[in-house]
């Protein structure tokens, strides 16, 4: 099987051929740290985390970098509102980022460079662009000459006359002071304003523009050309378009072989935004509470390039589906000792792995991979119920061990993990024998018409995660 990816630059799906065989240099645009992360961030970083995990599963050595933008108008405005400093705001929300994103089982990047740590590298890149006449200084600012780069627009597919320098709210819509030579030129360096943080430069005190930050950090940390550059679809223009223009003009080499973008999060069919009042942060969702793994499951159900519609019903459905998968993941911990599992994790089902990888290799179609795991989890759940209620399984224990170990391994590739508690392992908490004993006492209480005692026992079991199901054949139970 060949791993293929959709390349935004070429608008087609291509085999992944890395610069250095067996290694992937991957950069993802990170957050501007002025507020708590929202569901759009959750989707983006779950996606890139899972792609990274999958590449590692397929045998690649991945060097993954995600930046923090820690100097920006939004950060400065928040600092003024709160009567504090840019640094204080940045540190606060970087800490909040890690709190939120780690709850979703997103692995830390290999490096987290910050814009303010790369001022010298930014200066050097701007100097190179000025020397090649791709940039010019004007009144303390430095601008990139968009018309000088003949393929400007190749990533977004826009013609120059269609473009607006104010796209995404990141670039000034109007050149009020008349510093630009062309209205679509964008800032590489901004002259200092009173009361703002500033750094010395050959063009006077100021701070970097947004786009130049990533170009400088990529070159500093990963080299001139990388394998994969990722980010949200809203970054295609102008941010990634401008990264390409300034980087390739400076070094005369492609910035990235593959440009990949995840789709946007919608809310009831509308784009999520603060202005519409449909904006939800990660911590607001998880504090409802919603199981973080259910959120991760929800994100992976849709192909990463497609829009993802967030609704209460969709989250409820994802929670139900995750519960099924979770029961499958816990199968070996709950029943493995009784079935004689050795838990060495080396006996995996090759056919299931093949089906899992066929989807993953098809432009990281994790929704297809997830369907393979869900089918396996349902079967393990069924076998678990048979074991609990009838004392036997239909499938030989050695085959169940293989299926379970395969499920746990492949779910881990997608970052989906069920927490194994002491109760799950039956090293503490209520045991199966204790459950059966309480059920017997409940039956005796019901026969004696002591319904208050029967209800008390039922509630006691429910509090410990045990649900009772009464029928003509007797009382069955399962762990909630």
Protein backbone atom coordinates (compact mmCIF):
# COMPACT_ATOMS: atom_id res chain seq x y z
CA UNK A 1 0.00 0.00 0.00
CA UNK A 2 1.13 3.54 -0.78
CA UNK A 3 0.35 6.39 1.58
CA UNK A 4 -1.18 9.26 -0.36
CA UNK A 5 -2.05 12.80 0.75
CA UNK A 6 -4.09 15.60 -0.75
CA UNK A 7 -1.84 18.53 -1.60
CA UNK A 8 -3.63 21.90 -1.49
CA UNK A 9 -0.91 23.36 -3.73
CA UNK A 10 -1.41 20.91 -6.61
CA UNK A 11 -5.10 20.23 -5.88
CA UNK A 12 -4.65 16.50 -6.18
CA UNK A 13 -3.88 13.43 -4.09
CA UNK A 14 -0.25 12.38 -4.33
CA UNK A 15 2.01 9.62 -2.96
CA UNK A 16 3.95 10.80 0.07
CA UNK A 17 7.58 11.08 -0.96
CA UNK A 18 9.65 12.75 1.73
CA UNK A 19 12.86 14.69 1.27
CA UNK A 20 14.76 12.13 3.32
CA UNK A 21 13.41 8.56 3.11
CA UNK A 22 11.75 7.42 6.31
CA UNK A 23 11.70 10.91 7.86
CA UNK A 24 9.04 13.62 7.91
CA UNK A 25 9.65 17.28 8.72
CA UNK A 26 6.24 18.67 9.67
CA UNK A 27 5.19 22.15 10.73
CA UNK A 28 1.75 23.22 11.91
CA UNK A 29 0.65 26.81 12.46
CA UNK A 30 -0.17 27.23 16.15
CA UNK A 31 -2.44 29.52 18.11
CA UNK A 32 -2.22 33.24 18.73
CA UNK A 33 -2.21 33.20 22.51
CA UNK A 34 -4.71 35.85 23.59
CA UNK A 35 -7.69 33.69 24.62
CA UNK A 36 -8.80 30.15 25.44
CA UNK A 37 -8.74 27.59 22.64
CA UNK A 38 -12.05 26.84 20.94
CA UNK A 39 -13.48 23.82 19.13
CA UNK A 40 -11.83 24.88 15.87
CA UNK A 41 -8.47 24.61 17.60
CA UNK A 42 -9.50 21.27 19.09
CA UNK A 43 -10.27 19.89 15.65
CA UNK A 44 -7.09 21.21 14.09
CA UNK A 45 -4.69 19.90 16.71
CA UNK A 46 -6.45 16.55 17.07
CA UNK A 47 -6.14 16.17 13.29
CA UNK A 48 -2.43 16.98 13.12
CA UNK A 49 -1.71 14.92 16.22
CA UNK A 50 -3.43 11.90 14.66
CA UNK A 51 -1.64 12.37 11.34
CA UNK A 52 1.64 12.52 13.22
CA UNK A 53 0.77 9.35 15.18
CA UNK A 54 -0.24 7.55 11.99
CA UNK A 55 2.98 8.50 10.21
CA UNK A 56 4.93 7.12 13.15
CA UNK A 57 2.83 3.93 13.07
CA UNK A 58 3.71 3.57 9.37
CA UNK A 59 7.39 3.71 10.27
CA UNK A 60 8.32 7.36 9.72
CA UNK A 61 10.51 9.35 12.07
CA UNK A 62 8.53 12.57 12.47
CA UNK A 63 9.97 15.90 13.58
CA UNK A 64 6.85 17.88 14.45
CA UNK A 65 6.88 21.59 15.25
CA UNK A 66 4.00 23.84 16.23
CA UNK A 67 4.56 27.51 16.92
CA UNK A 68 2.99 30.05 19.26
CA UNK A 69 2.32 33.57 17.97
CA UNK A 70 3.08 35.60 21.08
CA UNK A 71 3.16 39.10 19.57
CA UNK A 72 0.00 40.32 17.86
CA UNK A 73 -2.55 43.14 17.99
CA UNK A 74 -5.07 40.86 19.69
CA UNK A 75 -2.60 40.04 22.45
CA UNK A 76 -1.73 43.70 22.91
CA UNK A 77 -5.41 44.68 23.05
CA UNK A 78 -6.09 42.00 25.66
CA UNK A 79 -3.14 43.24 27.72
CA UNK A 80 -4.53 46.79 27.66
CA UNK A 81 -7.98 45.57 28.66
CA UNK A 82 -6.55 43.68 31.63
CA UNK A 83 -3.96 46.27 32.61
CA UNK A 84 -1.11 43.82 32.18
CA UNK A 85 1.68 43.02 29.73
CA UNK A 86 1.90 41.17 26.45
CA UNK A 87 4.18 38.61 28.08
CA UNK A 88 1.75 37.97 30.93
CA UNK A 89 -1.16 37.42 28.53
CA UNK A 90 0.92 35.11 26.33
CA UNK A 91 2.15 33.00 29.25
CA UNK A 92 -1.34 32.68 30.69
CA UNK A 93 -2.90 31.40 27.50
CA UNK A 94 0.03 29.18 26.55
CA UNK A 95 -0.46 27.45 29.90
CA UNK A 96 -4.21 27.26 29.21
CA UNK A 97 -3.50 25.77 25.78
CA UNK A 98 -1.56 22.89 27.29
CA UNK A 99 -4.21 22.31 29.96
CA UNK A 100 -6.95 22.04 27.36
CA UNK A 101 -5.22 20.21 24.56
CA UNK A 102 -3.63 17.55 26.75
CA UNK A 103 -7.07 16.62 28.06
CA UNK A 104 -7.82 15.63 24.45
CA UNK A 105 -4.77 13.32 24.47
CA UNK A 106 -2.86 15.49 22.00
CA UNK A 107 0.84 14.72 22.31
CA UNK A 108 3.26 17.58 22.82
CA UNK A 109 5.06 18.76 19.71
CA UNK A 110 8.81 18.20 19.51
CA UNK A 111 9.30 21.96 19.68
CA UNK A 112 7.11 25.01 20.35
CA UNK A 113 8.99 28.02 18.95
CA UNK A 114 7.66 31.50 19.71
CA UNK A 115 7.75 34.49 17.44
CA UNK A 116 9.52 36.66 20.02
CA UNK A 117 12.35 34.12 20.23
CA UNK A 118 13.22 34.50 16.54
CA UNK A 119 13.64 38.24 16.00
CA UNK A 120 17.23 37.89 14.63
CA UNK A 121 16.13 35.21 12.13
CA UNK A 122 13.22 37.42 11.07
CA UNK A 123 15.62 40.32 10.51
CA UNK A 124 17.89 38.17 8.34
CA UNK A 125 15.04 37.00 6.14
CA UNK A 126 13.74 40.55 5.67
CA UNK A 127 17.24 41.76 4.78
CA UNK A 128 17.50 39.03 2.12
CA UNK A 129 14.16 40.04 0.63
CA UNK A 130 15.15 43.71 0.51
CA UNK A 131 18.47 42.81 -1.14
CA UNK A 132 16.58 40.93 -3.87
CA UNK A 133 14.12 43.79 -4.31
CA UNK A 134 11.19 41.69 -3.07
CA UNK A 135 10.71 44.05 -0.14
CA UNK A 136 11.12 47.74 0.65
CA UNK A 137 11.29 49.93 3.73
CA UNK A 138 8.79 52.75 4.10
CA UNK A 139 8.44 55.03 7.10
CA UNK A 140 9.71 52.47 9.61
CA UNK A 141 7.66 49.63 8.09
CA UNK A 142 8.89 47.00 5.65
CA UNK A 143 6.55 45.64 2.97
CA UNK A 144 6.68 42.68 0.61
CA UNK A 145 6.18 43.47 -3.09
CA UNK A 146 3.36 41.11 -4.06
CA UNK A 147 3.59 41.98 -7.79
CA UNK A 148 7.27 41.00 -7.78
CA UNK A 149 6.45 37.33 -7.09
CA UNK A 150 5.05 35.96 -10.38
CA UNK A 151 3.24 32.92 -8.93
CA UNK A 152 1.55 34.76 -6.07
CA UNK A 153 -1.84 33.14 -5.56
CA UNK A 154 -0.81 29.61 -6.60
CA UNK A 155 -1.86 28.08 -3.26
CA UNK A 156 -5.25 29.74 -2.94
CA UNK A 157 -5.96 29.85 -6.66
CA UNK A 158 -6.78 33.57 -6.49
CA UNK A 159 -5.93 36.13 -9.08
CA UNK A 160 -4.10 39.16 -7.74
CA UNK A 161 -6.92 41.56 -8.55
CA UNK A 162 -9.31 39.41 -6.46
CA UNK A 163 -7.21 39.57 -3.37
CA UNK A 164 -7.61 41.84 -0.40
CA UNK A 165 -4.78 42.52 1.95
CA UNK A 166 -7.28 42.61 4.82
CA UNK A 167 -8.33 38.95 4.47
CA UNK A 168 -8.87 37.09 7.78
CA UNK A 169 -8.58 40.38 9.65
CA UNK A 170 -4.81 39.99 9.82
CA UNK A 171 -3.56 42.57 7.37
CA UNK A 172 -4.49 46.25 7.32
CA UNK A 173 -7.37 46.77 4.91
CA UNK A 174 -6.27 50.29 4.11
CA UNK A 175 -2.91 51.96 3.91
CA UNK A 176 -3.94 55.11 5.74
CA UNK A 177 -0.45 56.62 5.80
CA UNK A 178 0.34 55.91 2.17
CA UNK A 179 3.40 53.75 2.94
CA UNK A 180 2.61 50.96 0.48
CA UNK A 181 3.63 51.02 -3.15
CA UNK A 182 0.81 48.64 -4.02
CA UNK A 183 -2.41 48.14 -2.01
CA UNK A 184 -1.87 44.34 -1.78
CA UNK A 185 1.67 44.54 -0.39
CA UNK A 186 1.86 43.08 3.14
CA UNK A 187 3.91 44.02 6.17
CA UNK A 188 7.09 42.14 7.08
CA UNK A 189 8.01 44.62 9.83
CA UNK A 190 5.81 47.17 11.61
CA UNK A 191 7.10 50.40 13.08
CA UNK A 192 6.64 50.75 16.83
CA UNK A 193 3.59 52.54 18.18
CA UNK A 194 3.63 54.36 21.53
CA UNK A 195 3.33 51.99 24.47
CA UNK A 196 3.81 48.79 22.42
CA UNK A 197 6.66 46.27 22.82
CA UNK A 198 9.33 46.85 20.19
CA UNK A 199 12.69 45.52 19.05
CA UNK A 200 15.59 47.35 17.44
CA UNK A 201 16.03 46.72 13.72
CA UNK A 202 17.83 48.22 10.71
CA UNK A 203 14.51 49.97 9.90
CA UNK A 204 13.89 51.37 13.37
CA UNK A 205 12.13 50.04 16.45
CA UNK A 206 9.21 47.79 15.68
CA UNK A 207 7.87 44.25 15.64
CA UNK A 208 7.44 41.52 13.01
CA UNK A 209 4.43 41.09 10.79
CA UNK A 210 2.43 37.90 11.25
CA UNK A 211 3.42 36.04 8.09
CA UNK A 212 7.20 36.39 8.38
CA UNK A 213 7.19 34.69 11.79
CA UNK A 214 6.40 31.21 10.48
CA UNK A 215 8.81 31.47 7.55
CA UNK A 216 11.65 32.37 9.89
CA UNK A 217 10.78 29.71 12.46
CA UNK A 218 10.52 26.96 9.84
CA UNK A 219 13.88 27.84 8.35
CA UNK A 220 15.49 28.08 11.78
CA UNK A 221 14.10 24.82 13.19
CA UNK A 222 13.55 22.56 10.17
CA UNK A 223 15.62 23.92 7.28
CA UNK A 224 14.82 25.52 3.95
CA UNK A 225 12.28 22.96 2.68
CA UNK A 226 10.00 20.79 4.78
CA UNK A 227 7.80 17.82 3.92
CA UNK A 228 4.40 18.84 5.32
CA UNK A 229 3.03 22.25 6.24
CA UNK A 230 -0.35 22.00 7.97
CA UNK A 231 -3.00 24.34 9.29
CA UNK A 232 -6.66 25.27 9.15
CA UNK A 233 -8.34 25.99 5.85
CA UNK A 234 -8.78 29.63 6.87
CA UNK A 235 -4.98 30.05 6.73
CA UNK A 236 -4.63 29.27 3.02
CA UNK A 237 -5.05 32.95 2.23
CA UNK A 238 -3.40 35.19 3.10
CA UNK A 239 -1.13 33.54 5.68
CA UNK A 240 0.16 30.48 3.83
CA UNK A 241 0.10 32.28 0.49
CA UNK A 242 2.36 34.94 1.97
CA UNK A 243 4.62 32.38 3.63
CA UNK A 244 5.24 30.82 0.23
CA UNK A 245 5.93 34.17 -1.42
CA UNK A 246 8.43 35.43 1.15
CA UNK A 247 10.18 32.09 1.82
CA UNK A 248 10.60 31.06 -1.80
CA UNK A 249 11.74 34.53 -2.83
CA UNK A 250 14.36 34.49 -0.07
CA UNK A 251 15.77 30.97 -0.59
CA UNK A 252 14.82 30.07 -4.21
CA UNK A 253 13.45 26.72 -3.02
CA UNK A 254 9.97 25.38 -2.24
CA UNK A 255 8.94 26.00 1.35
CA UNK A 256 7.02 22.71 1.63
CA UNK A 257 6.41 19.67 -0.55
CA UNK A 258 2.87 19.13 0.72
CA UNK A 259 0.41 21.74 1.95
CA UNK A 260 -2.40 20.22 4.00
CA UNK A 261 -5.44 21.95 5.51
CA UNK A 262 -8.20 20.79 7.81
CA UNK A 263 -11.81 21.84 7.31
CA UNK A 264 -13.66 24.32 9.47
CA UNK A 265 -15.96 23.65 12.43
CA UNK A 266 -19.57 24.64 11.84
CA UNK A 267 -22.31 25.06 14.43
CA UNK A 268 -25.75 24.03 13.22
CA UNK A 269 -24.57 24.64 9.67
CA UNK A 270 -23.06 28.08 10.34
CA UNK A 271 -19.41 28.97 10.75
CA UNK A 272 -18.44 29.14 14.39
CA UNK A 273 -17.72 32.72 15.47
CA UNK A 274 -17.98 34.98 18.49
CA UNK A 275 -20.13 37.48 16.58
CA UNK A 276 -22.83 34.86 16.03
CA UNK A 277 -22.79 33.79 19.65
CA UNK A 278 -22.09 30.14 18.71
CA UNK A 279 -18.55 30.09 20.03
CA UNK A 280 -17.53 27.28 22.42
CA UNK A 281 -14.15 26.82 24.09
CA UNK A 282 -12.58 23.43 24.70
CA UNK A 283 -12.83 23.79 28.47
CA UNK A 284 -16.49 24.84 28.32
CA UNK A 285 -17.30 21.65 26.43
CA UNK A 286 -15.22 19.33 28.61
CA UNK A 287 -16.53 20.88 31.81
CA UNK A 288 -20.19 20.06 30.92
CA UNK A 289 -18.83 17.34 31.33
CA UNK A 290 -18.13 15.61 28.03
CA UNK A 291 -15.58 12.79 27.92
CA UNK A 292 -12.49 14.12 26.11
CA UNK A 293 -12.24 10.86 24.18
CA UNK A 294 -15.79 11.37 22.91
CA UNK A 295 -14.68 14.77 21.54
CA UNK A 296 -11.70 13.15 19.87
CA UNK A 297 -13.98 10.44 18.46
CA UNK A 298 -16.35 13.14 17.18
CA UNK A 299 -13.53 14.92 15.35
CA UNK A 300 -12.19 11.74 13.73
CA UNK A 301 -15.62 10.65 12.46
CA UNK A 302 -15.36 13.18 9.63
CA UNK A 303 -12.60 13.33 7.03
CA UNK A 304 -10.14 16.00 8.11
CA UNK A 305 -10.63 18.14 4.97
CA UNK A 306 -14.42 18.28 5.26
CA UNK A 307 -16.46 20.73 7.35
CA UNK A 308 -17.44 19.40 10.78
CA UNK A 309 -20.87 20.38 12.11
CA UNK A 310 -20.97 20.69 15.89
CA UNK A 311 -24.35 20.17 17.52
CA UNK A 312 -25.46 18.83 20.90
CA UNK A 313 -26.98 15.86 19.09
CA UNK A 314 -23.71 15.11 17.30
CA UNK A 315 -21.77 15.16 20.57
CA UNK A 316 -24.36 12.92 22.24
CA UNK A 317 -24.05 10.43 19.38
CA UNK A 318 -20.26 10.55 19.61
CA UNK A 319 -20.44 9.89 23.37
CA UNK A 320 -22.59 6.82 22.73
CA UNK A 321 -20.22 5.54 20.05
CA UNK A 322 -17.20 6.17 22.27
CA UNK A 323 -18.86 4.20 25.07
CA UNK A 324 -19.09 1.19 22.73
CA UNK A 325 -15.46 1.54 21.69
CA UNK A 326 -14.43 2.01 25.30
CA UNK A 327 -16.14 -1.22 26.34
CA UNK A 328 -14.16 -3.03 23.67
CA UNK A 329 -10.91 -1.43 24.82
CA UNK A 330 -11.56 -2.51 28.42
CA UNK A 331 -12.48 -6.09 27.46
CA UNK A 332 -9.08 -7.58 28.23
CA UNK A 333 -8.72 -5.76 31.52
CA UNK A 334 -12.13 -6.96 32.70
CA UNK A 335 -12.06 -10.51 31.35
CA UNK A 336 -8.47 -11.24 30.32
CA UNK A 337 -7.46 -12.96 33.54
CA UNK A 338 -10.45 -15.29 33.40
CA UNK A 339 -9.73 -16.09 29.73
CA UNK A 340 -5.99 -16.57 30.27
CA UNK A 341 -4.73 -13.60 28.23
CA UNK A 342 -0.95 -13.10 28.37
CA UNK A 343 -1.22 -9.40 27.35
CA UNK A 344 2.07 -9.42 25.44
CA UNK A 345 0.55 -7.18 22.75
CA UNK A 346 2.47 -8.88 19.95
CA UNK A 347 -0.30 -11.09 18.57
CA UNK A 348 -2.19 -8.77 16.21
CA UNK A 349 -4.76 -9.50 13.51
CA UNK A 350 -3.10 -8.79 10.16
CA UNK A 351 -6.37 -8.60 8.24
CA UNK A 352 -7.79 -5.94 10.56
CA UNK A 353 -4.53 -3.99 10.37
CA UNK A 354 -4.70 -4.13 6.58
CA UNK A 355 -8.22 -2.70 6.52
CA UNK A 356 -7.23 -0.03 9.07
CA UNK A 357 -4.24 1.04 6.97
CA UNK A 358 -6.15 1.02 3.69
CA UNK A 359 -8.25 3.88 5.04
CA UNK A 360 -5.38 5.67 6.75
CA UNK A 361 -3.20 5.50 3.65
CA UNK A 362 -6.00 7.11 1.63
CA UNK A 363 -5.26 10.72 2.60
CA UNK A 364 -5.58 9.94 6.32
CA UNK A 365 -9.21 8.81 6.07
CA UNK A 366 -9.45 8.10 9.78
CA UNK A 367 -13.24 7.90 9.63
CA UNK A 368 -12.79 4.65 7.69
CA UNK A 369 -10.15 3.41 10.12
CA UNK A 370 -12.47 4.25 13.00
CA UNK A 371 -15.27 2.20 11.42
CA UNK A 372 -12.98 -0.85 11.42
CA UNK A 373 -12.31 -0.39 15.14
CA UNK A 374 -15.96 0.20 15.99
CA UNK A 375 -16.96 -3.06 14.33
CA UNK A 376 -14.31 -4.92 16.33
CA UNK A 377 -15.32 -3.22 19.60
CA UNK A 378 -18.97 -4.21 19.14
CA UNK A 379 -17.97 -7.84 18.73
CA UNK A 380 -15.82 -7.77 21.86
CA UNK A 381 -18.65 -6.13 23.79
CA UNK A 382 -21.01 -8.90 22.69
CA UNK A 383 -18.54 -11.55 23.79
CA UNK A 384 -18.13 -9.77 27.12
CA UNK A 385 -21.87 -9.82 27.74
CA UNK A 386 -22.00 -13.54 26.93
CA UNK A 387 -19.18 -14.18 29.37
CA UNK A 388 -20.87 -12.20 32.15
CA UNK A 389 -24.36 -13.61 31.71
CA UNK A 390 -23.71 -17.13 30.41
CA UNK A 391 -20.21 -17.78 31.67
CA UNK A 392 -18.80 -18.57 28.23
CA UNK A 393 -17.84 -17.01 24.89
CA UNK A 394 -18.50 -18.09 21.31
CA UNK A 395 -14.98 -17.20 20.16
CA UNK A 396 -11.87 -19.07 21.42
CA UNK A 397 -9.94 -17.10 24.08
CA UNK A 398 -6.77 -16.95 21.97
CA UNK A 399 -8.72 -15.30 19.14
CA UNK A 400 -10.35 -12.84 21.55
CA UNK A 401 -6.91 -11.95 22.89
CA UNK A 402 -5.72 -11.21 19.35
CA UNK A 403 -8.78 -9.08 18.60
CA UNK A 404 -8.50 -7.12 21.81
CA UNK A 405 -4.77 -6.47 21.49
CA UNK A 406 -5.33 -5.35 17.89
CA UNK A 407 -8.11 -2.98 18.97
CA UNK A 408 -6.03 -1.41 21.76
CA UNK A 409 -3.01 -0.98 19.48
CA UNK A 410 -4.89 0.59 16.56
CA UNK A 411 -7.05 2.80 18.76
CA UNK A 412 -3.81 4.11 20.24
CA UNK A 413 -2.68 5.08 16.74
CA UNK A 414 -5.75 7.36 16.64
CA UNK A 415 -5.04 8.65 20.14
CA UNK A 416 -8.13 6.93 21.57
CA UNK A 417 -7.42 5.40 24.95
CA UNK A 418 -9.69 4.07 27.68
CA UNK A 419 -8.46 4.80 31.18
CA UNK A 420 -7.76 1.61 33.06
CA UNK A 421 -8.79 2.17 36.66
CA UNK A 422 -8.13 -0.05 39.62
CA UNK A 423 -11.79 -0.96 39.56
CA UNK A 424 -11.47 -2.09 35.95
CA UNK A 425 -8.65 -4.38 36.95
CA UNK A 426 -10.67 -5.51 39.98
CA UNK A 427 -7.73 -4.78 42.27
CA UNK A 428 -10.09 -2.62 44.28
CA UNK A 429 -13.75 -1.63 44.16
CA UNK A 430 -16.60 -4.09 43.66
CA UNK A 431 -15.84 -7.56 42.28
CA UNK A 432 -18.07 -9.83 40.20
CA UNK A 433 -18.62 -12.08 43.21
CA UNK A 434 -19.70 -9.10 45.31
CA UNK A 435 -22.06 -7.97 42.56
CA UNK A 436 -23.71 -11.40 42.40
CA UNK A 437 -24.00 -11.48 46.18
CA UNK A 438 -25.77 -8.10 46.24
CA UNK A 439 -28.09 -9.18 43.42
CA UNK A 440 -29.03 -12.26 45.47
CA UNK A 441 -29.76 -10.09 48.52
CA UNK A 442 -31.88 -7.81 46.36
CA UNK A 443 -33.89 -10.75 45.06
CA UNK A 444 -34.49 -11.92 48.63
CA UNK A 445 -35.62 -8.41 49.63
CA UNK A 446 -38.06 -8.30 46.72
CA UNK A 447 -39.51 -11.70 47.66
CA UNK A 448 -40.01 -10.38 51.19
CA UNK A 449 -41.71 -7.31 49.68
CA UNK A 450 -38.99 -5.12 51.21
CA UNK A 451 -38.87 -2.89 48.16
CA UNK A 452 -37.04 -0.07 49.95
CA UNK A 453 -34.09 -2.41 50.62
CA UNK A 454 -34.23 -3.73 47.05
CA UNK A 455 -34.09 -0.19 45.69
CA UNK A 456 -31.23 0.68 48.06
CA UNK A 457 -29.16 -2.22 46.73
CA UNK A 458 -29.94 -1.27 43.13
CA UNK A 459 -28.88 2.33 43.80
CA UNK A 460 -25.72 1.17 45.56
CA UNK A 461 -24.73 -0.87 42.52
CA UNK A 462 -25.63 1.97 40.16
CA UNK A 463 -23.38 4.32 42.10
CA UNK A 464 -20.51 1.91 41.45
CA UNK A 465 -21.21 1.80 37.72
CA UNK A 466 -23.29 -1.40 37.69
CA UNK A 467 -26.62 -1.35 35.84
CA UNK A 468 -29.22 -4.04 36.60
CA UNK A 469 -31.65 -5.35 33.98
CA UNK A 470 -34.62 -7.35 35.29
CA UNK A 471 -36.43 -9.84 33.03
CA UNK A 472 -38.44 -13.04 33.26
CA UNK A 473 -35.23 -15.04 33.07
CA UNK A 474 -33.77 -13.20 36.08
CA UNK A 475 -31.53 -10.19 36.67
CA UNK A 476 -28.61 -9.39 34.36
CA UNK A 477 -26.00 -6.69 34.96
CA UNK A 478 -23.34 -4.77 33.09
CA UNK A 479 -20.80 -2.08 33.88
CA UNK A 480 -21.93 1.38 32.80
